[in-house]
């Protein structure tokens, strides 16, 4: 993950709106955050910034192997590794500060969030024999982004209008929390980047106005589910004559 914060560089540090940092940290999925080359616990940093008073603007600069945080008349220091324990997962996001950050949307954030919420329950849990079924299959082509989930017995597919092309298999566990984050995003863009576990594979990227989410595609071939979807529907109904007359 990459948290793209609009702010101003100040020497080796930066100046930014505190609220923007708080919102970005709240939407992040990782448990650790890298801030100016210092690794901190994300939840602890989020709580610290929420409680920090004095100003709406915060200045963060490295100072003697610590981070100095200035907010109005308040000045405090944060040690490297703060809010990280032995059981803190090794998931990491990075904060980057730049004068501006623009996202050209190609999909609705709430629509994508709803599609993920509907497809994820159809993926397989704890199926070591068929790891691809524990993934959501993202396929973009012909102006559509299709999300597919299946567990060998059930199948769910949802298509959204979306520019671009690519395909990626993303494990269900790695997508935990992304639907909630997308619901509050103002803009969203889905794209695919060359790379992954296989030659010619892709990574899935979802950009929002504050965060870039990136997942490496799982190695594997997704089953040809399209053969299971009927192209024509024929329905025959039988009615008792008397009951049919009563119905009319």
Protein backbone atom coordinates (compact mmCIF):
# COMPACT_ATOMS: atom_id res chain seq x y z
CA UNK A 1 0.00 0.00 0.00
CA UNK A 2 1.06 3.57 -0.65
CA UNK A 3 -0.58 6.49 1.18
CA UNK A 4 -0.43 9.53 -1.11
CA UNK A 5 -0.69 12.63 1.06
CA UNK A 6 -0.94 16.12 -0.40
CA UNK A 7 1.50 18.33 1.49
CA UNK A 8 4.70 20.32 1.33
CA UNK A 9 8.20 19.01 1.78
CA UNK A 10 10.12 20.81 4.51
CA UNK A 11 13.79 19.92 4.58
CA UNK A 12 13.92 16.20 5.32
CA UNK A 13 10.37 16.25 6.64
CA UNK A 14 6.97 17.48 5.52
CA UNK A 15 3.97 19.63 6.42
CA UNK A 16 0.43 18.35 5.83
CA UNK A 17 -3.15 18.57 7.07
CA UNK A 18 -3.57 16.33 10.11
CA UNK A 19 -7.07 15.28 9.02
CA UNK A 20 -5.75 13.97 5.71
CA UNK A 21 -3.18 11.80 7.50
CA UNK A 22 -5.86 10.50 9.87
CA UNK A 23 -8.27 9.60 7.06
CA UNK A 24 -5.55 7.84 5.03
CA UNK A 25 -4.31 5.83 8.02
CA UNK A 26 -7.88 4.85 8.90
CA UNK A 27 -8.48 3.48 5.39
CA UNK A 28 -5.16 1.61 5.15
CA UNK A 29 -5.23 -2.17 5.41
CA UNK A 30 -1.66 -2.76 6.64
CA UNK A 31 -0.67 -3.01 10.30
CA UNK A 32 2.67 -1.20 9.97
CA UNK A 33 3.39 2.13 8.34
CA UNK A 34 6.67 3.54 7.05
CA UNK A 35 6.89 7.28 7.67
CA UNK A 36 10.11 9.04 6.57
CA UNK A 37 11.99 5.70 6.80
CA UNK A 38 10.65 5.07 10.32
CA UNK A 39 8.44 1.99 10.78
CA UNK A 40 5.58 2.46 13.24
CA UNK A 41 2.41 0.67 14.25
CA UNK A 42 -0.41 2.02 12.08
CA UNK A 43 -3.18 1.81 14.68
CA UNK A 44 -1.01 3.45 17.33
CA UNK A 45 -0.01 6.28 15.01
CA UNK A 46 -3.64 6.78 14.01
CA UNK A 47 -4.74 7.07 17.63
CA UNK A 48 -1.84 9.40 18.41
CA UNK A 49 -2.74 11.80 15.57
CA UNK A 50 -6.44 11.76 16.49
CA UNK A 51 -5.57 12.81 20.04
CA UNK A 52 -3.02 15.41 18.95
CA UNK A 53 -4.27 18.96 19.51
CA UNK A 54 -2.98 22.44 18.81
CA UNK A 55 -3.53 22.87 15.08
CA UNK A 56 -5.03 21.39 11.92
CA UNK A 57 -1.54 21.37 10.39
CA UNK A 58 1.15 18.92 11.43
CA UNK A 59 4.88 19.03 10.70
CA UNK A 60 6.93 15.84 10.85
CA UNK A 61 10.74 15.83 10.65
CA UNK A 62 13.42 13.23 11.49
CA UNK A 63 15.45 14.25 14.56
CA UNK A 64 18.23 12.19 16.16
CA UNK A 65 16.84 8.78 15.18
CA UNK A 66 13.36 9.86 16.19
CA UNK A 67 10.47 11.64 14.52
CA UNK A 68 9.68 15.11 15.80
CA UNK A 69 6.01 15.99 15.46
CA UNK A 70 5.00 19.66 15.69
CA UNK A 71 1.32 20.58 15.87
CA UNK A 72 0.72 24.21 16.84
CA UNK A 73 2.42 24.77 20.19
CA UNK A 74 2.72 21.02 20.85
CA UNK A 75 5.99 19.21 20.11
CA UNK A 76 6.58 15.51 20.70
CA UNK A 77 8.94 12.76 19.62
CA UNK A 78 8.20 9.28 18.31
CA UNK A 79 10.76 6.48 18.48
CA UNK A 80 11.30 4.05 15.63
CA UNK A 81 9.24 0.91 16.14
CA UNK A 82 6.68 2.67 18.34
CA UNK A 83 3.33 0.81 18.65
CA UNK A 84 4.81 -2.36 17.14
CA UNK A 85 4.65 -5.56 19.15
CA UNK A 86 5.79 -9.14 18.66
CA UNK A 87 2.39 -10.09 17.28
CA UNK A 88 2.00 -7.13 14.91
CA UNK A 89 1.56 -8.59 11.40
CA UNK A 90 4.28 -7.84 8.86
CA UNK A 91 1.98 -5.98 6.47
CA UNK A 92 3.45 -2.60 5.53
CA UNK A 93 2.23 0.61 3.92
CA UNK A 94 4.28 3.69 3.07
CA UNK A 95 3.42 7.37 3.41
CA UNK A 96 4.47 9.57 0.50
CA UNK A 97 3.99 13.33 0.45
CA UNK A 98 3.71 15.37 -2.75
CA UNK A 99 2.28 18.79 -3.74
CA UNK A 100 -0.66 17.16 -5.52
CA UNK A 101 -2.21 13.78 -6.18
CA UNK A 102 -4.72 13.28 -8.96
CA UNK A 103 -6.62 10.10 -9.82
CA UNK A 104 -8.44 9.70 -13.13
CA UNK A 105 -11.35 7.41 -12.15
CA UNK A 106 -12.48 4.58 -14.43
CA UNK A 107 -14.85 2.81 -12.05
CA UNK A 108 -17.25 3.80 -9.29
CA UNK A 109 -15.76 3.22 -5.84
CA UNK A 110 -19.07 2.27 -4.20
CA UNK A 111 -19.98 0.01 -7.16
CA UNK A 112 -16.63 -1.79 -6.90
CA UNK A 113 -17.04 -2.12 -3.14
CA UNK A 114 -20.50 -3.63 -3.60
CA UNK A 115 -19.23 -6.04 -6.27
CA UNK A 116 -16.43 -7.26 -4.00
CA UNK A 117 -18.82 -7.70 -1.08
CA UNK A 118 -21.09 -9.84 -3.26
CA UNK A 119 -18.38 -11.98 -4.87
CA UNK A 120 -16.10 -12.68 -1.89
CA UNK A 121 -18.57 -15.00 -0.06
CA UNK A 122 -18.52 -17.35 -3.07
CA UNK A 123 -14.74 -17.97 -2.90
CA UNK A 124 -13.42 -21.16 -1.29
CA UNK A 125 -12.03 -21.22 2.25
CA UNK A 126 -9.12 -23.45 3.28
CA UNK A 127 -9.04 -25.41 0.01
CA UNK A 128 -5.33 -26.27 -0.30
CA UNK A 129 -5.97 -28.57 -3.26
CA UNK A 130 -7.44 -25.73 -5.34
CA UNK A 131 -5.81 -22.46 -4.23
CA UNK A 132 -7.14 -20.49 -7.21
CA UNK A 133 -10.68 -20.96 -5.88
CA UNK A 134 -9.65 -19.02 -2.78
CA UNK A 135 -9.14 -16.04 -5.10
CA UNK A 136 -11.28 -13.42 -6.75
CA UNK A 137 -10.61 -13.41 -10.48
CA UNK A 138 -10.35 -9.84 -11.84
CA UNK A 139 -10.66 -9.66 -15.63
CA UNK A 140 -10.70 -6.38 -17.57
CA UNK A 141 -11.41 -6.39 -21.29
CA UNK A 142 -13.81 -4.91 -23.85
CA UNK A 143 -14.70 -2.02 -21.56
CA UNK A 144 -15.78 -4.26 -18.67
CA UNK A 145 -14.24 -5.29 -15.36
CA UNK A 146 -15.55 -8.71 -14.32
CA UNK A 147 -15.14 -10.08 -10.80
CA UNK A 148 -15.55 -13.84 -10.41
CA UNK A 149 -15.78 -15.97 -7.29
CA UNK A 150 -16.37 -19.74 -7.11
CA UNK A 151 -15.84 -22.57 -4.63
CA UNK A 152 -16.48 -25.56 -6.90
CA UNK A 153 -20.21 -25.63 -6.13
CA UNK A 154 -21.32 -22.01 -6.40
CA UNK A 155 -20.43 -19.26 -8.85
CA UNK A 156 -20.79 -15.47 -8.74
CA UNK A 157 -19.89 -13.02 -11.51
CA UNK A 158 -20.37 -9.26 -11.58
CA UNK A 159 -19.35 -6.92 -14.42
CA UNK A 160 -18.76 -3.18 -14.17
CA UNK A 161 -18.02 -0.57 -16.82
CA UNK A 162 -14.26 0.00 -16.76
CA UNK A 163 -11.52 0.94 -19.23
CA UNK A 164 -8.31 -1.06 -19.45
CA UNK A 165 -7.19 -4.65 -19.90
CA UNK A 166 -5.59 -7.24 -17.65
CA UNK A 167 -6.24 -10.22 -15.39
CA UNK A 168 -5.22 -11.02 -11.83
CA UNK A 169 -6.05 -13.64 -9.19
CA UNK A 170 -6.12 -12.12 -5.70
CA UNK A 171 -6.48 -14.24 -2.56
CA UNK A 172 -9.62 -13.55 -0.56
CA UNK A 173 -7.68 -12.92 2.66
CA UNK A 174 -5.66 -10.13 1.04
CA UNK A 175 -8.87 -8.33 0.06
CA UNK A 176 -10.17 -8.18 3.61
CA UNK A 177 -11.23 -4.62 4.45
CA UNK A 178 -10.90 -3.18 0.94
CA UNK A 179 -14.67 -3.06 0.33
CA UNK A 180 -15.19 -0.84 3.39
CA UNK A 181 -12.34 1.44 2.31
CA UNK A 182 -13.73 1.81 -1.21
CA UNK A 183 -17.18 2.76 0.06
CA UNK A 184 -15.81 6.04 1.42
CA UNK A 185 -13.38 6.75 -1.43
CA UNK A 186 -14.27 9.74 -3.61
CA UNK A 187 -12.48 8.41 -6.70
CA UNK A 188 -11.26 4.97 -7.77
CA UNK A 189 -9.21 3.64 -10.64
CA UNK A 190 -8.47 -0.01 -11.44
CA UNK A 191 -5.39 -0.91 -13.47
CA UNK A 192 -3.03 -3.82 -14.02
CA UNK A 193 0.74 -3.68 -13.90
CA UNK A 194 3.13 -6.17 -15.46
CA UNK A 195 4.57 -8.46 -12.81
CA UNK A 196 3.40 -11.11 -10.39
CA UNK A 197 4.29 -14.69 -9.59
CA UNK A 198 4.46 -15.76 -13.23
CA UNK A 199 6.09 -14.53 -16.42
CA UNK A 200 3.57 -12.39 -18.22
CA UNK A 201 1.45 -12.08 -15.08
CA UNK A 202 -0.06 -8.93 -13.65
CA UNK A 203 -0.46 -7.13 -10.37
CA UNK A 204 -3.80 -5.53 -9.55
CA UNK A 205 -3.73 -1.84 -8.60
CA UNK A 206 -6.62 0.18 -7.16
CA UNK A 207 -5.92 3.90 -6.82
CA UNK A 208 -8.07 6.20 -4.70
CA UNK A 209 -7.61 9.87 -3.89
CA UNK A 210 -5.56 8.94 -0.80
CA UNK A 211 -4.23 5.40 -1.15
CA UNK A 212 -2.77 3.13 -3.81
CA UNK A 213 -3.56 -0.54 -3.10
CA UNK A 214 -1.48 -3.16 -4.91
CA UNK A 215 -1.75 -6.96 -4.93
CA UNK A 216 0.45 -9.49 -6.72
CA UNK A 217 -1.53 -12.04 -8.73
CA UNK A 218 -1.51 -15.63 -7.50
CA UNK A 219 0.14 -18.20 -9.79
CA UNK A 220 -2.55 -20.35 -11.40
CA UNK A 221 -5.17 -20.71 -14.11
CA UNK A 222 -8.76 -19.94 -13.23
CA UNK A 223 -11.37 -22.53 -14.36
CA UNK A 224 -13.33 -21.81 -17.53
CA UNK A 225 -16.52 -20.83 -15.74
CA UNK A 226 -18.22 -19.29 -18.77
CA UNK A 227 -19.26 -22.71 -20.07
CA UNK A 228 -21.39 -23.14 -16.96
CA UNK A 229 -23.48 -20.02 -17.60
CA UNK A 230 -26.50 -20.72 -19.87
CA UNK A 231 -26.82 -18.46 -22.91
CA UNK A 232 -30.49 -19.30 -23.43
CA UNK A 233 -33.28 -19.89 -20.96
CA UNK A 234 -36.28 -22.09 -21.73
CA UNK A 235 -39.03 -22.25 -19.12
CA UNK A 236 -42.09 -24.49 -19.22
CA UNK A 237 -45.01 -23.90 -16.87
CA UNK A 238 -48.01 -26.21 -16.31
CA UNK A 239 -51.26 -24.89 -14.84
CA UNK A 240 -54.46 -26.58 -13.82
CA UNK A 241 -57.26 -25.27 -16.09
CA UNK A 242 -59.59 -24.35 -13.25
CA UNK A 243 -56.85 -22.66 -11.26
CA UNK A 244 -55.68 -20.75 -14.34
CA UNK A 245 -59.22 -19.44 -14.96
CA UNK A 246 -59.50 -18.37 -11.32
CA UNK A 247 -56.19 -16.51 -11.61
CA UNK A 248 -57.45 -14.45 -14.53
